[in-house]
C-alpha atoms as a PDB file:
ATOM      1  CA  MET A   1     107.617 113.849  75.612  1.00  0.00           C
ATOM      2  CA  ARG A   2     105.893 114.167  79.051  1.00  0.00           C
ATOM      3  CA  ARG A   3     103.278 112.025  77.990  1.00  0.00           C
ATOM      4  CA  GLU A   4     105.272 109.091  76.792  1.00  0.00           C
ATOM      5  CA  LEU A   5     107.391 109.375  79.888  1.00  0.00           C
ATOM      6  CA  GLY A   6     104.652 109.765  82.505  1.00  0.00           C
ATOM      7  CA  GLU A   7     103.107 106.531  80.781  1.00  0.00           C
ATOM      8  CA  ARG A   8     105.944 104.530  80.986  1.00  0.00           C
ATOM      9  CA  LEU A   9     106.451 105.525  84.614  1.00  0.00           C
ATOM     10  CA  PHE A  10     102.963 104.649  85.655  1.00  0.00           C
ATOM     11  CA  ALA A  11     103.025 101.384  83.594  1.00  0.00           C
ATOM     12  CA  ARG A  12     106.160 100.319  85.644  1.00  0.00           C
ATOM     13  CA  VAL A  13     105.160 101.213  88.830  1.00  0.00           C
ATOM     14  CA  ALA A  14     101.488 100.099  88.298  1.00  0.00           C
ATOM     15  CA  GLY A  15     101.799  96.854  86.090  1.00  0.00           C
ATOM     16  CA  PRO A  16      99.224  95.963  83.415  1.00  0.00           C
ATOM     17  CA  ASP A  17      96.276  96.183  85.825  1.00  0.00           C
ATOM     18  CA  GLY A  18      97.457 100.064  86.559  1.00  0.00           C
ATOM     19  CA  PRO A  19      94.356 101.975  84.491  1.00  0.00           C
ATOM     20  CA  ARG A  20      91.485  99.115  85.729  1.00  0.00           C
ATOM     21  CA  ASN A  21      93.077  99.751  89.433  1.00  0.00           C
ATOM     22  CA  ARG A  22      93.174 103.169  89.057  1.00  0.00           C
ATOM     23  CA  ALA A  23      89.721 103.704  87.824  1.00  0.00           C
ATOM     24  CA  ARG A  24      88.107 101.436  90.726  1.00  0.00           C
ATOM     25  CA  ILE A  25      90.412 103.176  93.531  1.00  0.00           C
ATOM     26  CA  HIS A  26      89.249 106.637  92.369  1.00  0.00           C
ATOM     27  CA  GLY A  27      85.928 105.765  90.999  1.00  0.00           C
ATOM     28  CA  ASP A  28      84.189 103.677  93.136  1.00  0.00           C
ATOM     29  CA  PRO A  29      81.662 105.508  95.459  1.00  0.00           C
ATOM     30  CA  GLY A  30      81.567 104.976  99.043  1.00  0.00           C
ATOM     31  CA  PRO A  31      83.548 106.391 102.182  1.00  0.00           C
ATOM     32  CA  ARG A  32      87.288 106.631 102.493  1.00  0.00           C
ATOM     33  CA  TRP A  33      89.502 105.885 105.411  1.00  0.00           C
ATOM     34  CA  PHE A  34      91.294 109.363 104.897  1.00  0.00           C
ATOM     35  CA  ALA A  35      89.593 112.554 103.380  1.00  0.00           C
ATOM     36  CA  ALA A  36      90.808 114.542 100.731  1.00  0.00           C
ATOM     37  CA  ASP A  37      92.887 116.923 103.082  1.00  0.00           C
ATOM     38  CA  ARG A  38      94.674 114.526 105.098  1.00  0.00           C
ATOM     39  CA  PRO A  39      98.197 114.146 105.316  1.00  0.00           C
ATOM     40  CA  ILE A  40      98.591 110.557 103.957  1.00  0.00           C
ATOM     41  CA  ARG A  41      97.254 111.526 100.830  1.00  0.00           C
ATOM     42  CA  ARG A  42      99.759 114.356 100.226  1.00  0.00           C
ATOM     43  CA  VAL A  43     102.737 112.185 101.133  1.00  0.00           C
ATOM     44  CA  HIS A  44     101.743 108.858  99.063  1.00  0.00           C
ATOM     45  CA  GLY A  45     100.869 111.004  96.275  1.00  0.00           C
ATOM     46  CA  ASP A  46     104.084 112.593  96.010  1.00  0.00           C
ATOM     47  CA  ALA A  47     107.331 111.645  93.571  1.00  0.00           C
ATOM     48  CA  SER A  48     109.523 111.426  97.046  1.00  0.00           C
ATOM     49  CA  MET A  49     107.621 107.988  97.565  1.00  0.00           C
ATOM     50  CA  PHE A  50     110.316 106.594  94.907  1.00  0.00           C
ATOM     51  CA  ILE A  51     113.059 107.578  97.064  1.00  0.00           C
ATOM     52  CA  GLY A  52     111.453 106.872 100.272  1.00  0.00           C
ATOM     53  CA  GLY A  53     110.549 103.350  99.105  1.00  0.00           C
ATOM     54  CA  LEU A  54     113.951 102.439  98.260  1.00  0.00           C
ATOM     55  CA  SER A  55     115.137 103.668 101.556  1.00  0.00           C
ATOM     56  CA  ALA A  56     112.432 101.722 103.310  1.00  0.00           C
ATOM     57  CA  LEU A  57     113.677  98.603 102.071  1.00  0.00           C
ATOM     58  CA  LEU A  58     117.123  98.864 102.838  1.00  0.00           C
ATOM     59  CA  LEU A  59     116.048 100.304 106.720  1.00  0.00           C
ATOM     60  CA  GLN A  60     113.842  97.318 107.075  1.00  0.00           C
ATOM     61  CA  SER A  61     116.316  94.767 105.878  1.00  0.00           C
ATOM     62  CA  LEU A  62     117.980  95.523 109.088  1.00  0.00           C
ATOM     63  CA  HIS A  63     115.838  93.140 111.012  1.00  0.00           C
ATOM     64  CA  PRO A  64     117.322  89.745 110.619  1.00  0.00           C
ATOM     65  CA  LEU A  65     113.947  88.186 110.951  1.00  0.00           C
ATOM     66  CA  ALA A  66     112.252  90.458 108.398  1.00  0.00           C
ATOM     67  CA  MET A  67     114.837  90.244 105.912  1.00  0.00           C
ATOM     68  CA  ALA A  68     114.931  86.087 106.367  1.00  0.00           C
ATOM     69  CA  ALA A  69     111.175  86.431 105.709  1.00  0.00           C
ATOM     70  CA  VAL A  70     111.533  88.590 102.538  1.00  0.00           C
ATOM     71  CA  ALA A  71     114.701  86.540 101.111  1.00  0.00           C
ATOM     72  CA  ALA A  72     112.856  83.150 101.254  1.00  0.00           C
ATOM     73  CA  HIS A  73     109.148  84.074 100.530  1.00  0.00           C
ATOM     74  CA  SER A  74     108.947  87.496  98.743  1.00  0.00           C
ATOM     75  CA  GLY A  75     110.561  86.758  95.350  1.00  0.00           C
ATOM     76  CA  PHE A  76     111.959  90.417  95.169  1.00  0.00           C
ATOM     77  CA  ARG A  77     114.976  89.387  92.904  1.00  0.00           C
ATOM     78  CA  GLY A  78     112.778  87.169  90.685  1.00  0.00           C
ATOM     79  CA  ASP A  79     110.146  89.414  90.350  1.00  0.00           C
ATOM     80  CA  PRO A  80     110.905  92.884  91.631  1.00  0.00           C
ATOM     81  CA  TRP A  81     108.974  94.804  89.247  1.00  0.00           C
ATOM     82  CA  GLY A  82     105.717  92.304  90.122  1.00  0.00           C
ATOM     83  CA  ARG A  83     106.512  93.282  93.923  1.00  0.00           C
ATOM     84  CA  LEU A  84     106.391  96.984  93.431  1.00  0.00           C
ATOM     85  CA  GLN A  85     103.613  96.889  91.666  1.00  0.00           C
ATOM     86  CA  ARG A  86     101.475  94.902  94.173  1.00  0.00           C
ATOM     87  CA  THR A  87     102.726  97.189  97.265  1.00  0.00           C
ATOM     88  CA  SER A  88     101.765 100.624  94.998  1.00  0.00           C
ATOM     89  CA  THR A  89      98.685  99.184  94.649  1.00  0.00           C
ATOM     90  CA  PHE A  90      98.119  98.374  98.186  1.00  0.00           C
ATOM     91  CA  LEU A  91      99.382 101.529  99.051  1.00  0.00           C
ATOM     92  CA  ALA A  92      97.233 103.356  96.792  1.00  0.00           C
ATOM     93  CA  THR A  93      93.795 101.294  97.466  1.00  0.00           C
ATOM     94  CA  THR A  94      94.332 102.010 101.577  1.00  0.00           C
ATOM     95  CA  THR A  95      95.341 105.700 100.883  1.00  0.00           C
ATOM     96  CA  TYR A  96      92.595 106.380  98.241  1.00  0.00           C
ATOM     97  CA  GLY A  97      90.010 103.919  97.557  1.00  0.00           C
ATOM     98  CA  THR A  98      86.507 102.899  99.453  1.00  0.00           C
ATOM     99  CA  ALA A  99      86.789 101.822 102.862  1.00  0.00           C
ATOM    100  CA  GLU A 100      85.584  98.705 101.458  1.00  0.00           C
ATOM    101  CA  LEU A 101      88.353  98.388  99.162  1.00  0.00           C
ATOM    102  CA  ALA A 102      91.006  99.001 101.729  1.00  0.00           C
ATOM    103  CA  GLU A 103      89.414  96.353 103.989  1.00  0.00           C
ATOM    104  CA  GLU A 104      89.699  93.957 101.434  1.00  0.00           C
ATOM    105  CA  ALA A 105      93.418  94.722 100.849  1.00  0.00           C
ATOM    106  CA  CYS A 106      94.570  94.505 104.561  1.00  0.00           C
ATOM    107  CA  ALA A 107      92.809  91.270 104.432  1.00  0.00           C
ATOM    108  CA  ARG A 108      94.737  89.581 101.743  1.00  0.00           C
ATOM    109  CA  VAL A 109      97.846  91.006 103.034  1.00  0.00           C
ATOM    110  CA  ARG A 110      97.353  89.657 106.559  1.00  0.00           C
ATOM    111  CA  ALA A 111      96.303  85.876 104.817  1.00  0.00           C
ATOM    112  CA  VAL A 112      99.704  86.235 103.131  1.00  0.00           C
ATOM    113  CA  HIS A 113     101.515  87.123 106.513  1.00  0.00           C
ATOM    114  CA  GLU A 114      99.692  84.105 108.121  1.00  0.00           C
ATOM    115  CA  GLY A 115     101.682  81.835 105.592  1.00  0.00           C
ATOM    116  CA  VAL A 116     105.178  83.139 105.733  1.00  0.00           C
ATOM    117  CA  ARG A 117     106.961  81.222 108.558  1.00  0.00           C
ATOM    118  CA  GLY A 118     110.551  79.841 108.647  1.00  0.00           C
ATOM    119  CA  VAL A 119     113.708  79.522 110.364  1.00  0.00           C
ATOM    120  CA  THR A 120     116.627  81.578 110.027  1.00  0.00           C
ATOM    121  CA  ALA A 121     119.937  80.626 108.927  1.00  0.00           C
ATOM    122  CA  GLU A 122     120.839  80.929 112.572  1.00  0.00           C
ATOM    123  CA  GLY A 123     118.210  78.833 113.685  1.00  0.00           C
ATOM    124  CA  GLU A 124     115.646  81.369 114.996  1.00  0.00           C
ATOM    125  CA  PRO A 125     111.820  81.120 113.840  1.00  0.00           C
ATOM    126  CA  TYR A 126     109.949  83.929 112.154  1.00  0.00           C
ATOM    127  CA  HIS A 127     106.519  84.593 111.484  1.00  0.00           C
ATOM    128  CA  ALA A 128     105.421  87.362 109.230  1.00  0.00           C
ATOM    129  CA  ALA A 129     102.086  87.718 111.161  1.00  0.00           C
ATOM    130  CA  ASP A 130     104.309  88.291 114.571  1.00  0.00           C
ATOM    131  CA  PRO A 131     102.879  91.728 115.611  1.00  0.00           C
ATOM    132  CA  ARG A 132     106.742  92.540 117.090  1.00  0.00           C
ATOM    133  CA  LEU A 133     107.809  92.254 113.489  1.00  0.00           C
ATOM    134  CA  LEU A 134     104.865  93.905 111.787  1.00  0.00           C
ATOM    135  CA  GLY A 135     105.674  96.726 114.111  1.00  0.00           C
ATOM    136  CA  TRP A 136     108.910  97.225 112.923  1.00  0.00           C
ATOM    137  CA  VAL A 137     107.993  96.868 109.155  1.00  0.00           C
ATOM    138  CA  HIS A 138     105.745  99.582 109.933  1.00  0.00           C
ATOM    139  CA  VAL A 139     107.622 101.970 111.382  1.00  0.00           C
ATOM    140  CA  ALA A 140     110.802 101.334 109.106  1.00  0.00           C
ATOM    141  CA  GLU A 141     108.254 102.276 106.462  1.00  0.00           C
ATOM    142  CA  VAL A 142     106.466 105.368 107.971  1.00  0.00           C
ATOM    143  CA  ASP A 143     109.828 106.366 108.905  1.00  0.00           C
ATOM    144  CA  SER A 144     111.339 106.617 105.666  1.00  0.00           C
ATOM    145  CA  PHE A 145     108.256 107.800 103.644  1.00  0.00           C
ATOM    146  CA  LEU A 146     108.028 110.688 106.133  1.00  0.00           C
ATOM    147  CA  ARG A 147     112.048 111.688 105.792  1.00  0.00           C
ATOM    148  CA  ALA A 148     111.674 111.615 102.113  1.00  0.00           C
ATOM    149  CA  HIS A 149     108.592 113.616 101.718  1.00  0.00           C
ATOM    150  CA  GLN A 150     110.092 116.225 104.086  1.00  0.00           C
ATOM    151  CA  ARG A 151     113.361 116.508 102.169  1.00  0.00           C
ATOM    152  CA  TYR A 152     112.342 115.953  98.685  1.00  0.00           C
ATOM    153  CA  GLY A 153     108.339 116.525  98.803  1.00  0.00           C
ATOM    154  CA  ALA A 154     106.699 119.526  96.476  1.00  0.00           C
ATOM    155  CA  ARG A 155     105.046 120.778  99.821  1.00  0.00           C
ATOM    156  CA  PRO A 156     106.570 119.306 103.032  1.00  0.00           C
ATOM    157  CA  LEU A 157     104.374 118.964 105.856  1.00  0.00           C
ATOM    158  CA  SER A 158     104.032 121.204 109.063  1.00  0.00           C
ATOM    159  CA  PRO A 159     105.118 119.785 112.259  1.00  0.00           C
ATOM    160  CA  ALA A 160     101.194 119.029 113.027  1.00  0.00           C
ATOM    161  CA  GLY A 161     101.230 117.665 109.591  1.00  0.00           C
ATOM    162  CA  CYS A 162     104.032 114.982 110.320  1.00  0.00           C
ATOM    163  CA  ASP A 163     101.799 113.699 113.394  1.00  0.00           C
ATOM    164  CA  GLY A 164      98.808 113.756 111.550  1.00  0.00           C
ATOM    165  CA  TYR A 165     100.799 111.633 108.751  1.00  0.00           C
ATOM    166  CA  VAL A 166     101.986 109.412 111.463  1.00  0.00           C
ATOM    167  CA  ARG A 167      98.388 108.932 112.576  1.00  0.00           C
ATOM    168  CA  ASP A 168      97.020 108.541 109.335  1.00  0.00           C
ATOM    169  CA  ALA A 169      99.433 105.589 108.771  1.00  0.00           C
ATOM    170  CA  ALA A 170      98.677 103.996 111.984  1.00  0.00           C
ATOM    171  CA  ARG A 171      94.910 103.603 110.799  1.00  0.00           C
ATOM    172  CA  ILE A 172      96.486 101.040 107.903  1.00  0.00           C
ATOM    173  CA  ALA A 173      98.960  99.444 110.293  1.00  0.00           C
ATOM    174  CA  ARG A 174      96.148  98.398 113.097  1.00  0.00           C
ATOM    175  CA  GLU A 175      94.282  96.820 110.303  1.00  0.00           C
ATOM    176  CA  LEU A 176      97.332  94.805 108.959  1.00  0.00           C
ATOM    177  CA  GLY A 177      97.816  93.486 112.606  1.00  0.00           C
ATOM    178  CA  VAL A 178     100.111  95.956 114.328  1.00  0.00           C
ATOM    179  CA  VAL A 179      99.463  96.452 117.943  1.00  0.00           C
ATOM    180  CA  GLU A 180      99.561  99.965 119.517  1.00  0.00           C
ATOM    181  CA  PRO A 181     101.205 101.802 116.146  1.00  0.00           C
ATOM    182  CA  PRO A 182     102.887 105.264 116.935  1.00  0.00           C
ATOM    183  CA  THR A 183     100.288 108.076 116.281  1.00  0.00           C
ATOM    184  CA  ASP A 184     102.728 110.764 116.077  1.00  0.00           C
ATOM    185  CA  ARG A 185     106.515 112.075 115.046  1.00  0.00           C
ATOM    186  CA  ALA A 186     108.013 111.773 118.318  1.00  0.00           C
ATOM    187  CA  GLU A 187     106.463 107.937 119.571  1.00  0.00           C
ATOM    188  CA  LEU A 188     107.469 107.073 115.893  1.00  0.00           C
ATOM    189  CA  VAL A 189     111.113 108.018 116.884  1.00  0.00           C
ATOM    190  CA  ARG A 190     110.824 106.500 120.138  1.00  0.00           C
ATOM    191  CA  ARG A 191     109.706 103.356 118.563  1.00  0.00           C
ATOM    192  CA  LEU A 192     112.614 103.155 116.377  1.00  0.00           C
ATOM    193  CA  ASP A 193     115.090 103.361 118.690  1.00  0.00           C
ATOM    194  CA  ALA A 194     113.635 100.768 120.708  1.00  0.00           C
ATOM    195  CA  TYR A 195     113.980  98.183 117.946  1.00  0.00           C
ATOM    196  CA  ARG A 196     118.000  99.005 117.810  1.00  0.00           C
ATOM    197  CA  PRO A 197     119.028  96.318 119.969  1.00  0.00           C
ATOM    198  CA  GLU A 198     117.504  93.871 117.451  1.00  0.00           C
ATOM    199  CA  LEU A 199     118.892  95.388 114.291  1.00  0.00           C
ATOM    200  CA  ARG A 200     121.923  94.286 112.445  1.00  0.00           C
ATOM    201  CA  ALA A 201     123.016  93.566 109.013  1.00  0.00           C
ATOM    202  CA  THR A 202     123.027  90.061 108.185  1.00  0.00           C
ATOM    203  CA  ALA A 203     124.843  88.564 104.815  1.00  0.00           C
ATOM    204  CA  GLU A 204     120.943  88.508 103.485  1.00  0.00           C
ATOM    205  CA  ALA A 205     120.855  92.155 104.183  1.00  0.00           C
ATOM    206  CA  HIS A 206     124.031  92.802 102.258  1.00  0.00           C
ATOM    207  CA  ARG A 207     122.911  90.704  99.364  1.00  0.00           C
ATOM    208  CA  ALA A 208     119.706  92.598  99.097  1.00  0.00           C
ATOM    209  CA  ALA A 209     121.609  95.978  99.262  1.00  0.00           C
ATOM    210  CA  ARG A 210     123.999  94.840  96.528  1.00  0.00           C
ATOM    211  CA  PHE A 211     120.825  94.044  94.373  1.00  0.00           C
ATOM    212  CA  LEU A 212     118.727  97.030  95.083  1.00  0.00           C
ATOM    213  CA  LEU A 213     121.719  99.613  94.758  1.00  0.00           C
ATOM    214  CA  LEU A 214     124.295  97.898  92.210  1.00  0.00           C
ATOM    215  CA  HIS A 215     122.198  95.469  90.436  1.00  0.00           C
ATOM    216  CA  PRO A 216     119.223  96.830  89.650  1.00  0.00           C
ATOM    217  CA  PRO A 217     116.730  95.339  87.169  1.00  0.00           C
ATOM    218  CA  VAL A 218     116.141  98.434  85.055  1.00  0.00           C
ATOM    219  CA  PRO A 219     116.788  99.445  81.374  1.00  0.00           C
ATOM    220  CA  LEU A 220     120.391 100.741  80.707  1.00  0.00           C
ATOM    221  CA  PRO A 221     118.540 104.037  79.724  1.00  0.00           C
ATOM    222  CA  VAL A 222     117.215 104.818  83.274  1.00  0.00           C
ATOM    223  CA  ARG A 223     120.412 103.468  85.040  1.00  0.00           C
ATOM    224  CA  LEU A 224     121.714 106.973  85.622  1.00  0.00           C
ATOM    225  CA  PRO A 225     118.572 108.462  87.420  1.00  0.00           C
ATOM    226  CA  TYR A 226     117.926 105.274  89.409  1.00  0.00           C
ATOM    227  CA  ALA A 227     121.509 105.655  90.520  1.00  0.00           C
ATOM    228  CA  ALA A 228     120.491 108.831  91.697  1.00  0.00           C
ATOM    229  CA  LEU A 229     117.539 107.606  93.537  1.00  0.00           C
ATOM    230  CA  ALA A 230     119.665 104.873  94.874  1.00  0.00           C
ATOM    231  CA  ALA A 231     122.046 107.525  96.376  1.00  0.00           C
ATOM    232  CA  ASN A 232     119.636 109.531  97.953  1.00  0.00           C
ATOM    233  CA  ALA A 233     117.890 106.672  99.439  1.00  0.00           C
ATOM    234  CA  VAL A 234     121.194 105.835 100.998  1.00  0.00           C
ATOM    235  CA  SER A 235     121.640 109.526 101.992  1.00  0.00           C
ATOM    236  CA  LEU A 236     117.969 109.266 103.616  1.00  0.00           C
ATOM    237  CA  LEU A 237     119.025 106.453 105.760  1.00  0.00           C
ATOM    238  CA  PRO A 238     119.740 107.191 109.586  1.00  0.00           C
ATOM    239  CA  ALA A 239     123.521 107.640 110.037  1.00  0.00           C
ATOM    240  CA  TRP A 240     123.638 104.533 112.127  1.00  0.00           C
ATOM    241  CA  ALA A 241     121.549 102.532 109.558  1.00  0.00           C
ATOM    242  CA  ALA A 242     123.933 103.069 106.608  1.00  0.00           C
ATOM    243  CA  ARG A 243     127.071 102.311 109.232  1.00  0.00           C
ATOM    244  CA  GLU A 244     125.261  98.978 109.591  1.00  0.00           C
ATOM    245  CA  LEU A 245     124.823  98.385 106.155  1.00  0.00           C
ATOM    246  CA  GLY A 246     128.683  99.522 105.274  1.00  0.00           C
ATOM    247  CA  LEU A 247     126.949 102.352 102.722  1.00  0.00           C
ATOM    248  CA  PRO A 248     129.385 105.379 102.372  1.00  0.00           C
ATOM    249  CA  ARG A 249     128.072 108.735 103.296  1.00  0.00           C
ATOM    250  CA  LEU A 250     130.060 111.817 102.764  1.00  0.00           C
ATOM    251  CA  PRO A 251     128.576 114.948 104.132  1.00  0.00           C
ATOM    252  CA  LEU A 252     130.029 117.164 101.487  1.00  0.00           C
ATOM    253  CA  VAL A 253     128.921 114.833  98.608  1.00  0.00           C
ATOM    254  CA  ASP A 254     125.546 114.469 100.171  1.00  0.00           C
ATOM    255  CA  ALA A 255     125.232 118.106 100.123  1.00  0.00           C
ATOM    256  CA  TRP A 256     126.489 119.297  97.113  1.00  0.00           C
ATOM    257  CA  CYS A 257     125.656 116.486  94.535  1.00  0.00           C
ATOM    258  CA  VAL A 258     123.423 113.873  95.858  1.00  0.00           C
ATOM    259  CA  ARG A 259     120.901 115.896  97.408  1.00  0.00           C
ATOM    260  CA  PRO A 260     120.370 118.073  94.136  1.00  0.00           C
ATOM    261  CA  LEU A 261     120.209 115.253  91.917  1.00  0.00           C
ATOM    262  CA  GLY A 262     117.431 113.876  93.968  1.00  0.00           C
ATOM    263  CA  HIS A 263     115.272 117.075  93.808  1.00  0.00           C
ATOM    264  CA  ALA A 264     116.274 116.915  90.254  1.00  0.00           C
ATOM    265  CA  VAL A 265     115.222 113.450  89.760  1.00  0.00           C
ATOM    266  CA  THR A 266     111.801 113.903  91.912  1.00  0.00           C
ATOM    267  CA  SER A 267     110.795 116.939  90.264  1.00  0.00           C
ATOM    268  CA  THR A 268     111.353 115.296  86.670  1.00  0.00           C
ATOM    269  CA  VAL A 269     108.877 112.558  87.890  1.00  0.00           C
ATOM    270  CA  ARG A 270     106.613 114.851  88.955  1.00  0.00           C
ATOM    271  CA  TRP A 271     106.744 116.799  85.782  1.00  0.00           C
ATOM    272  CA  ALA A 272     105.974 113.843  83.676  1.00  0.00           C
ATOM    273  CA  MET A 273     103.043 112.495  85.496  1.00  0.00           C
ATOM    274  CA  ALA A 274      99.747 113.759  84.155  1.00  0.00           C
ATOM    275  CA  PRO A 275      98.345 116.480  86.635  1.00  0.00           C
ATOM    276  CA  GLY A 276      96.016 115.245  89.386  1.00  0.00           C
ATOM    277  CA  ARG A 277      97.340 111.884  88.977  1.00  0.00           C
ATOM    278  CA  PRO A 278      99.385 110.665  92.543  1.00  0.00           C
ATOM    279  CA  THR A 279     103.113 110.539  91.636  1.00  0.00           C
ATOM    280  CA  GLY A 280     104.745 108.189  94.342  1.00  0.00           C
ATOM    281  CA  ALA A 281     104.667 104.983  95.128  1.00  0.00           C
ATOM    282  CA  SER A 282     101.077 104.997  95.105  1.00  0.00           C
ATOM    283  CA  ALA A 283     100.654 105.855  91.422  1.00  0.00           C
ATOM    284  CA  GLY A 284      98.999 102.377  91.035  1.00  0.00           C
ATOM    285  CA  GLY A 285      95.871 103.994  92.060  1.00  0.00           C
END
């Protein structure tokens, strides 16, 4: 049962090319961006990434330009599993792969971003390669992944480890075009706060939240564990972000029901995946 569950999870997250990608990412010889003891490897290899990734999508949706670009160009509704698989493979490649593979992966993403341009419903132009927009996507993602790891991870990081994770993630961000990404947790918090005046929940953000939380493209047997992940993704959001999206937050329910379910689901995922294999969103590697 453990092996079957692990294989199904891996197939969903990594896609049909998962085994081949994993062999290349972990097996190819050559220097890596991150040594085996770096915090980014611990965070991206943990089951808490399932909650952190979902929470990051909700948080990122609060920037109207980022949400407009996602709604118009990402195909997350038409091919949500494909998008997840591409994202997980990118995370695995940049976290665990050779420097050459990581650079190639970042170059592909930069090329995609260069072509993502448009105008919001309010007439405001956007460009996915805009360093300001890239900066928002980065800090929202890093904050969400780190929050999730510190709450649900098997081995939460020390304060110095948290700073190390932010510094590691900055290495990837610079390669993607982010200008002066934060390199410690204090700066990460300040950068998030600096974006607050630009953030609001558009109609597209509300539609995305309903899709992710209420109408996920998951089979009926896994609706219950997915609901637990979704509830914990909402619980993980900063309070202001949950309010902006109109998502309910009840402290007692969070403490006595939602968080224990989150720990139970992430522990189950951790148990199901094969020993030694990354279990988080980077399982594509």
